[in-house]
Amino acid sequence: LSDIEKWLNEQEESGGHNIEWYQSNHEGNIIDRLHEAMGNTDGIIINPGAFTHTSVSIRDALLAVGIPFIEVHLSNVFARENFRHSSYFSDIADGCIFGLGAYGYEIALQAASMQLSGEK
C-alpha cells in the first residue's frame, strides 16, 4: 500500500485534491474512519478486501455518510473462487474497478477527480 500511496501522491490525477490514506484490518476502525469522513471528504476510493463479501456494517456506513465512492480490487475477483463474485458494495458504488493491479487506483483517482470537478 505504501508504494501505491507514494506513486499516486506523485500523479497529477488528483486534480489538486488532497488525498488522505487509511488502511486497517479491523472492520470497526474502517467504519469509524468512514464516519469521521462525513462532512469533510468529497470522495472515497475503497478496497474493502475480504470485507467485500462479508461486511454489511461497512456497507451501512458508506450509505450513512453519503460520500461518493469507487470500489477497487487489485485482482479480478471474478476469476477467483465463486464466493468472491459477490460484493456488498458494487451496487451502491459510483464505479468499480477489478483486476488492474495498482493501476486500478490511478484509474479510480482519475475518475473521482473528474466526478468532483463535474466532468463526466
N, C-alpha and C. Protein backbone atom coordinates (compact mmCIF):
# COMPACT_ATOMS: atom_id res chain seq x y z
N LEU A 1 0.82 -1.19 0.00
CA LEU A 1 0.00 0.00 0.00
C LEU A 1 0.87 1.26 0.00
N SER A 2 1.95 1.26 0.74
CA SER A 2 2.79 2.46 0.80
C SER A 2 3.36 2.80 -0.57
N ASP A 3 3.68 1.80 -1.38
CA ASP A 3 4.17 2.07 -2.74
C ASP A 3 3.08 2.70 -3.60
N ILE A 4 1.85 2.22 -3.46
CA ILE A 4 0.73 2.80 -4.21
C ILE A 4 0.49 4.23 -3.76
N GLU A 5 0.53 4.47 -2.45
CA GLU A 5 0.35 5.82 -1.91
C GLU A 5 1.38 6.78 -2.50
N LYS A 6 2.64 6.38 -2.42
CA LYS A 6 3.72 7.24 -2.91
C LYS A 6 3.54 7.54 -4.39
N TRP A 7 3.26 6.52 -5.16
CA TRP A 7 3.10 6.65 -6.60
C TRP A 7 1.94 7.59 -6.93
N LEU A 8 0.78 7.39 -6.29
CA LEU A 8 -0.38 8.23 -6.60
C LEU A 8 -0.24 9.65 -6.09
N ASN A 9 0.44 9.83 -4.98
CA ASN A 9 0.66 11.19 -4.49
C ASN A 9 1.52 12.00 -5.45
N GLU A 10 2.28 11.32 -6.30
CA GLU A 10 3.13 11.99 -7.28
C GLU A 10 2.41 12.24 -8.61
N GLN A 11 1.22 11.68 -8.77
CA GLN A 11 0.48 11.81 -10.02
C GLN A 11 -0.29 13.12 -10.06
N GLU A 12 -0.56 13.61 -11.25
CA GLU A 12 -1.35 14.82 -11.41
C GLU A 12 -2.84 14.51 -11.41
N GLU A 13 -3.22 13.25 -11.40
CA GLU A 13 -4.63 12.87 -11.48
C GLU A 13 -5.45 13.34 -10.29
N SER A 14 -4.78 13.75 -9.22
CA SER A 14 -5.52 14.20 -8.05
C SER A 14 -6.28 15.49 -8.33
N GLY A 15 -5.93 16.19 -9.40
CA GLY A 15 -6.65 17.42 -9.75
C GLY A 15 -6.57 18.47 -8.66
N GLY A 16 -5.51 18.45 -7.89
CA GLY A 16 -5.36 19.42 -6.82
C GLY A 16 -6.10 19.05 -5.54
N HIS A 17 -6.75 17.90 -5.52
CA HIS A 17 -7.46 17.46 -4.33
C HIS A 17 -6.48 16.86 -3.33
N ASN A 18 -6.75 17.06 -2.08
CA ASN A 18 -5.94 16.47 -1.02
C ASN A 18 -6.29 14.99 -0.91
N ILE A 19 -5.28 14.15 -0.85
CA ILE A 19 -5.51 12.71 -0.73
C ILE A 19 -5.10 12.28 0.67
N GLU A 20 -6.01 11.63 1.36
CA GLU A 20 -5.71 11.03 2.66
C GLU A 20 -5.79 9.52 2.51
N TRP A 21 -4.91 8.82 3.20
CA TRP A 21 -4.85 7.37 3.10
C TRP A 21 -5.20 6.75 4.44
N TYR A 22 -5.87 5.62 4.38
CA TYR A 22 -6.20 4.90 5.61
C TYR A 22 -6.26 3.42 5.28
N GLN A 23 -5.68 2.60 6.14
CA GLN A 23 -5.73 1.16 5.97
C GLN A 23 -5.90 0.54 7.34
N SER A 24 -6.78 -0.45 7.42
CA SER A 24 -6.95 -1.19 8.66
C SER A 24 -7.45 -2.59 8.34
N ASN A 25 -7.07 -3.52 9.16
CA ASN A 25 -7.59 -4.88 9.05
C ASN A 25 -8.78 -5.09 9.99
N HIS A 26 -9.21 -4.01 10.64
CA HIS A 26 -10.28 -4.11 11.63
C HIS A 26 -11.52 -3.38 11.13
N GLU A 27 -12.58 -4.13 10.98
CA GLU A 27 -13.82 -3.62 10.41
C GLU A 27 -14.33 -2.37 11.15
N GLY A 28 -14.33 -2.41 12.47
CA GLY A 28 -14.81 -1.27 13.25
C GLY A 28 -14.00 -0.02 13.02
N ASN A 29 -12.69 -0.16 12.86
CA ASN A 29 -11.84 1.00 12.59
C ASN A 29 -12.18 1.63 11.24
N ILE A 30 -12.47 0.79 10.26
CA ILE A 30 -12.85 1.30 8.93
C ILE A 30 -14.17 2.06 9.04
N ILE A 31 -15.11 1.51 9.77
CA ILE A 31 -16.40 2.17 9.95
C ILE A 31 -16.22 3.50 10.67
N ASP A 32 -15.41 3.52 11.72
CA ASP A 32 -15.14 4.78 12.42
C ASP A 32 -14.53 5.82 11.49
N ARG A 33 -13.59 5.40 10.65
CA ARG A 33 -12.94 6.33 9.72
C ARG A 33 -13.94 6.86 8.69
N LEU A 34 -14.83 6.01 8.21
CA LEU A 34 -15.86 6.47 7.28
C LEU A 34 -16.75 7.51 7.95
N HIS A 35 -17.14 7.28 9.18
CA HIS A 35 -17.98 8.25 9.90
C HIS A 35 -17.23 9.57 10.09
N GLU A 36 -15.94 9.50 10.38
CA GLU A 36 -15.13 10.72 10.52
C GLU A 36 -15.04 11.50 9.22
N ALA A 37 -15.15 10.82 8.10
CA ALA A 37 -15.04 11.47 6.79
C ALA A 37 -16.27 12.31 6.45
N MET A 38 -17.38 12.02 7.08
CA MET A 38 -18.63 12.72 6.75
C MET A 38 -18.48 14.22 7.03
N GLY A 39 -18.79 15.01 6.01
CA GLY A 39 -18.75 16.45 6.14
C GLY A 39 -17.42 17.09 5.77
N ASN A 40 -16.37 16.28 5.60
CA ASN A 40 -15.08 16.87 5.25
C ASN A 40 -14.33 16.08 4.18
N THR A 41 -15.03 15.18 3.50
CA THR A 41 -14.43 14.38 2.44
C THR A 41 -15.37 14.38 1.24
N ASP A 42 -14.80 14.62 0.06
CA ASP A 42 -15.62 14.72 -1.15
C ASP A 42 -15.79 13.39 -1.87
N GLY A 43 -14.85 12.48 -1.70
CA GLY A 43 -14.91 11.20 -2.39
C GLY A 43 -14.04 10.17 -1.70
N ILE A 44 -14.38 8.91 -1.92
CA ILE A 44 -13.66 7.81 -1.30
C ILE A 44 -13.31 6.79 -2.37
N ILE A 45 -12.09 6.30 -2.31
CA ILE A 45 -11.68 5.14 -3.09
C ILE A 45 -11.41 4.05 -2.06
N ILE A 46 -12.12 2.95 -2.18
CA ILE A 46 -12.02 1.90 -1.16
C ILE A 46 -11.74 0.55 -1.78
N ASN A 47 -10.78 -0.14 -1.19
CA ASN A 47 -10.55 -1.55 -1.49
C ASN A 47 -10.92 -2.31 -0.22
N PRO A 48 -12.13 -2.84 -0.17
CA PRO A 48 -12.58 -3.48 1.06
C PRO A 48 -12.00 -4.87 1.29
N GLY A 49 -11.16 -5.36 0.38
CA GLY A 49 -10.55 -6.68 0.57
C GLY A 49 -11.61 -7.74 0.83
N ALA A 50 -11.35 -8.61 1.77
CA ALA A 50 -12.29 -9.70 2.08
C ALA A 50 -13.59 -9.18 2.67
N PHE A 51 -13.59 -7.94 3.21
CA PHE A 51 -14.84 -7.36 3.71
C PHE A 51 -15.85 -7.16 2.59
N THR A 52 -15.38 -7.17 1.35
CA THR A 52 -16.26 -7.05 0.18
C THR A 52 -17.40 -8.05 0.25
N HIS A 53 -17.11 -9.24 0.72
CA HIS A 53 -18.04 -10.36 0.67
C HIS A 53 -18.73 -10.61 2.01
N THR A 54 -18.39 -9.79 3.02
CA THR A 54 -18.88 -10.11 4.37
C THR A 54 -19.45 -8.94 5.15
N SER A 55 -19.15 -7.69 4.78
CA SER A 55 -19.42 -6.59 5.70
C SER A 55 -20.65 -5.75 5.34
N VAL A 56 -21.75 -6.11 5.94
CA VAL A 56 -22.94 -5.28 5.86
C VAL A 56 -22.69 -3.98 6.63
N SER A 57 -21.89 -4.04 7.68
CA SER A 57 -21.60 -2.87 8.51
C SER A 57 -20.86 -1.78 7.73
N ILE A 58 -19.86 -2.16 6.95
CA ILE A 58 -19.15 -1.16 6.13
C ILE A 58 -20.09 -0.62 5.06
N ARG A 59 -20.90 -1.48 4.48
CA ARG A 59 -21.90 -1.03 3.50
C ARG A 59 -22.82 0.02 4.13
N ASP A 60 -23.34 -0.28 5.33
CA ASP A 60 -24.22 0.65 6.01
C ASP A 60 -23.53 1.98 6.30
N ALA A 61 -22.26 1.91 6.68
CA ALA A 61 -21.50 3.14 6.95
C ALA A 61 -21.34 3.97 5.68
N LEU A 62 -21.04 3.31 4.56
CA LEU A 62 -20.92 4.04 3.29
C LEU A 62 -22.24 4.69 2.90
N LEU A 63 -23.33 3.99 3.10
CA LEU A 63 -24.64 4.57 2.81
C LEU A 63 -24.95 5.73 3.75
N ALA A 64 -24.59 5.59 5.00
CA ALA A 64 -24.89 6.62 6.00
C ALA A 64 -24.14 7.92 5.75
N VAL A 65 -22.87 7.82 5.34
CA VAL A 65 -22.10 9.05 5.14
C VAL A 65 -22.44 9.75 3.84
N GLY A 66 -22.97 9.01 2.87
CA GLY A 66 -23.41 9.62 1.62
C GLY A 66 -22.29 10.22 0.78
N ILE A 67 -21.10 9.74 0.93
CA ILE A 67 -19.96 10.23 0.16
C ILE A 67 -19.78 9.34 -1.06
N PRO A 68 -19.69 9.92 -2.27
CA PRO A 68 -19.48 9.09 -3.46
C PRO A 68 -18.20 8.25 -3.29
N PHE A 69 -18.27 6.99 -3.75
CA PHE A 69 -17.08 6.15 -3.63
C PHE A 69 -16.91 5.23 -4.82
N ILE A 70 -15.66 4.85 -5.02
CA ILE A 70 -15.29 3.91 -6.07
C ILE A 70 -14.66 2.70 -5.39
N GLU A 71 -15.14 1.52 -5.77
CA GLU A 71 -14.64 0.25 -5.23
C GLU A 71 -13.51 -0.24 -6.13
N VAL A 72 -12.37 -0.56 -5.53
CA VAL A 72 -11.20 -1.01 -6.28
C VAL A 72 -10.71 -2.34 -5.71
N HIS A 73 -10.35 -3.26 -6.61
CA HIS A 73 -9.72 -4.52 -6.22
C HIS A 73 -8.53 -4.76 -7.12
N LEU A 74 -7.41 -5.12 -6.52
CA LEU A 74 -6.19 -5.39 -7.29
C LEU A 74 -6.39 -6.58 -8.22
N SER A 75 -7.06 -7.61 -7.72
CA SER A 75 -7.26 -8.82 -8.52
C SER A 75 -8.63 -8.79 -9.18
N ASN A 76 -8.78 -9.64 -10.18
CA ASN A 76 -10.09 -9.82 -10.80
C ASN A 76 -10.85 -10.83 -9.95
N VAL A 77 -11.73 -10.34 -9.11
CA VAL A 77 -12.44 -11.22 -8.18
C VAL A 77 -13.29 -12.25 -8.92
N PHE A 78 -13.66 -11.97 -10.17
CA PHE A 78 -14.49 -12.89 -10.94
C PHE A 78 -13.69 -14.05 -11.52
N ALA A 79 -12.37 -13.97 -11.42
CA ALA A 79 -11.51 -15.06 -11.85
C ALA A 79 -11.07 -15.90 -10.64
N ARG A 80 -11.66 -15.62 -9.50
CA ARG A 80 -11.31 -16.32 -8.27
C ARG A 80 -12.49 -17.19 -7.81
N GLU A 81 -12.47 -17.62 -6.59
CA GLU A 81 -13.50 -18.51 -6.06
C GLU A 81 -14.88 -17.85 -6.17
N ASN A 82 -15.91 -18.70 -6.32
CA ASN A 82 -17.27 -18.20 -6.50
C ASN A 82 -17.73 -17.26 -5.40
N PHE A 83 -17.34 -17.51 -4.16
CA PHE A 83 -17.83 -16.65 -3.07
C PHE A 83 -17.30 -15.23 -3.20
N ARG A 84 -16.22 -15.04 -3.97
CA ARG A 84 -15.66 -13.70 -4.17
C ARG A 84 -16.40 -12.92 -5.26
N HIS A 85 -17.31 -13.53 -5.95
CA HIS A 85 -18.04 -12.87 -7.03
C HIS A 85 -19.12 -11.94 -6.50
N SER A 86 -19.41 -11.99 -5.23
CA SER A 86 -20.47 -11.19 -4.63
C SER A 86 -19.86 -10.06 -3.81
N SER A 87 -20.36 -8.83 -4.02
CA SER A 87 -19.88 -7.67 -3.29
C SER A 87 -21.04 -6.97 -2.61
N TYR A 88 -20.82 -6.57 -1.37
CA TYR A 88 -21.81 -5.76 -0.65
C TYR A 88 -21.73 -4.29 -1.05
N PHE A 89 -20.79 -3.93 -1.94
CA PHE A 89 -20.56 -2.53 -2.24
C PHE A 89 -20.82 -2.13 -3.69
N SER A 90 -20.66 -3.06 -4.60
CA SER A 90 -20.71 -2.72 -6.03
C SER A 90 -22.01 -2.04 -6.44
N ASP A 91 -23.12 -2.47 -5.89
CA ASP A 91 -24.41 -1.91 -6.30
C ASP A 91 -24.66 -0.50 -5.77
N ILE A 92 -23.88 -0.05 -4.79
CA ILE A 92 -24.04 1.30 -4.27
C ILE A 92 -22.85 2.20 -4.61
N ALA A 93 -21.84 1.64 -5.27
CA ALA A 93 -20.65 2.40 -5.64
C ALA A 93 -20.91 3.25 -6.87
N ASP A 94 -20.15 4.34 -6.99
CA ASP A 94 -20.22 5.18 -8.19
C ASP A 94 -19.44 4.54 -9.33
N GLY A 95 -18.57 3.61 -9.01
CA GLY A 95 -17.80 2.88 -10.01
C GLY A 95 -17.06 1.73 -9.36
N CYS A 96 -16.68 0.75 -10.16
CA CYS A 96 -15.97 -0.43 -9.67
C CYS A 96 -14.85 -0.77 -10.63
N ILE A 97 -13.69 -1.10 -10.06
CA ILE A 97 -12.52 -1.46 -10.86
C ILE A 97 -11.96 -2.76 -10.30
N PHE A 98 -11.81 -3.74 -11.17
CA PHE A 98 -11.34 -5.06 -10.76
C PHE A 98 -10.18 -5.51 -11.64
N GLY A 99 -9.16 -6.07 -11.03
CA GLY A 99 -8.17 -6.83 -11.77
C GLY A 99 -7.10 -6.05 -12.50
N LEU A 100 -6.93 -4.78 -12.22
CA LEU A 100 -5.91 -4.00 -12.93
C LEU A 100 -4.69 -3.70 -12.06
N GLY A 101 -4.59 -4.40 -10.94
CA GLY A 101 -3.47 -4.19 -10.05
C GLY A 101 -3.45 -2.76 -9.52
N ALA A 102 -2.26 -2.27 -9.23
CA ALA A 102 -2.12 -0.92 -8.68
C ALA A 102 -2.63 0.14 -9.64
N TYR A 103 -2.61 -0.14 -10.94
CA TYR A 103 -3.11 0.81 -11.93
C TYR A 103 -4.59 1.13 -11.71
N GLY A 104 -5.33 0.20 -11.14
CA GLY A 104 -6.74 0.44 -10.83
C GLY A 104 -6.94 1.64 -9.92
N TYR A 105 -5.99 1.87 -9.02
CA TYR A 105 -6.08 3.03 -8.13
C TYR A 105 -5.90 4.33 -8.92
N GLU A 106 -5.00 4.33 -9.89
CA GLU A 106 -4.81 5.53 -10.71
C GLU A 106 -6.07 5.83 -11.51
N ILE A 107 -6.68 4.81 -12.07
CA ILE A 107 -7.93 5.00 -12.82
C ILE A 107 -9.02 5.51 -11.87
N ALA A 108 -9.10 4.96 -10.69
CA ALA A 108 -10.10 5.41 -9.71
C ALA A 108 -9.86 6.87 -9.33
N LEU A 109 -8.61 7.24 -9.16
CA LEU A 109 -8.27 8.62 -8.82
C LEU A 109 -8.66 9.56 -9.95
N GLN A 110 -8.39 9.16 -11.18
CA GLN A 110 -8.79 9.98 -12.34
C GLN A 110 -10.31 10.13 -12.38
N ALA A 111 -11.02 9.04 -12.19
CA ALA A 111 -12.49 9.08 -12.24
C ALA A 111 -13.05 9.93 -11.11
N ALA A 112 -12.52 9.77 -9.91
CA ALA A 112 -13.01 10.56 -8.76
C ALA A 112 -12.75 12.04 -9.00
N SER A 113 -11.58 12.37 -9.51
CA SER A 113 -11.24 13.76 -9.79
C SER A 113 -12.19 14.35 -10.83
N MET A 114 -12.49 13.58 -11.86
CA MET A 114 -13.43 14.04 -12.89
C MET A 114 -14.82 14.24 -12.29
N GLN A 115 -15.26 13.30 -11.47
CA GLN A 115 -16.57 13.42 -10.84
C GLN A 115 -16.65 14.65 -9.95
N LEU A 116 -15.59 14.89 -9.18
CA LEU A 116 -15.59 16.03 -8.26
C LEU A 116 -15.55 17.36 -8.99
N SER A 117 -14.96 17.37 -10.19
CA SER A 117 -14.88 18.62 -10.94
C SER A 117 -16.11 18.80 -11.85
N GLY A 118 -17.02 17.84 -11.81
CA GLY A 118 -18.25 17.94 -12.60
C GLY A 118 -18.13 17.39 -14.01
N GLU A 119 -16.97 16.83 -14.36
CA GLU A 119 -16.81 16.20 -15.68
C GLU A 119 -17.46 14.83 -15.66
N LYS A 120 -17.87 14.37 -16.80
CA LYS A 120 -18.44 13.02 -16.89
C LYS A 120 -17.70 12.22 -17.93
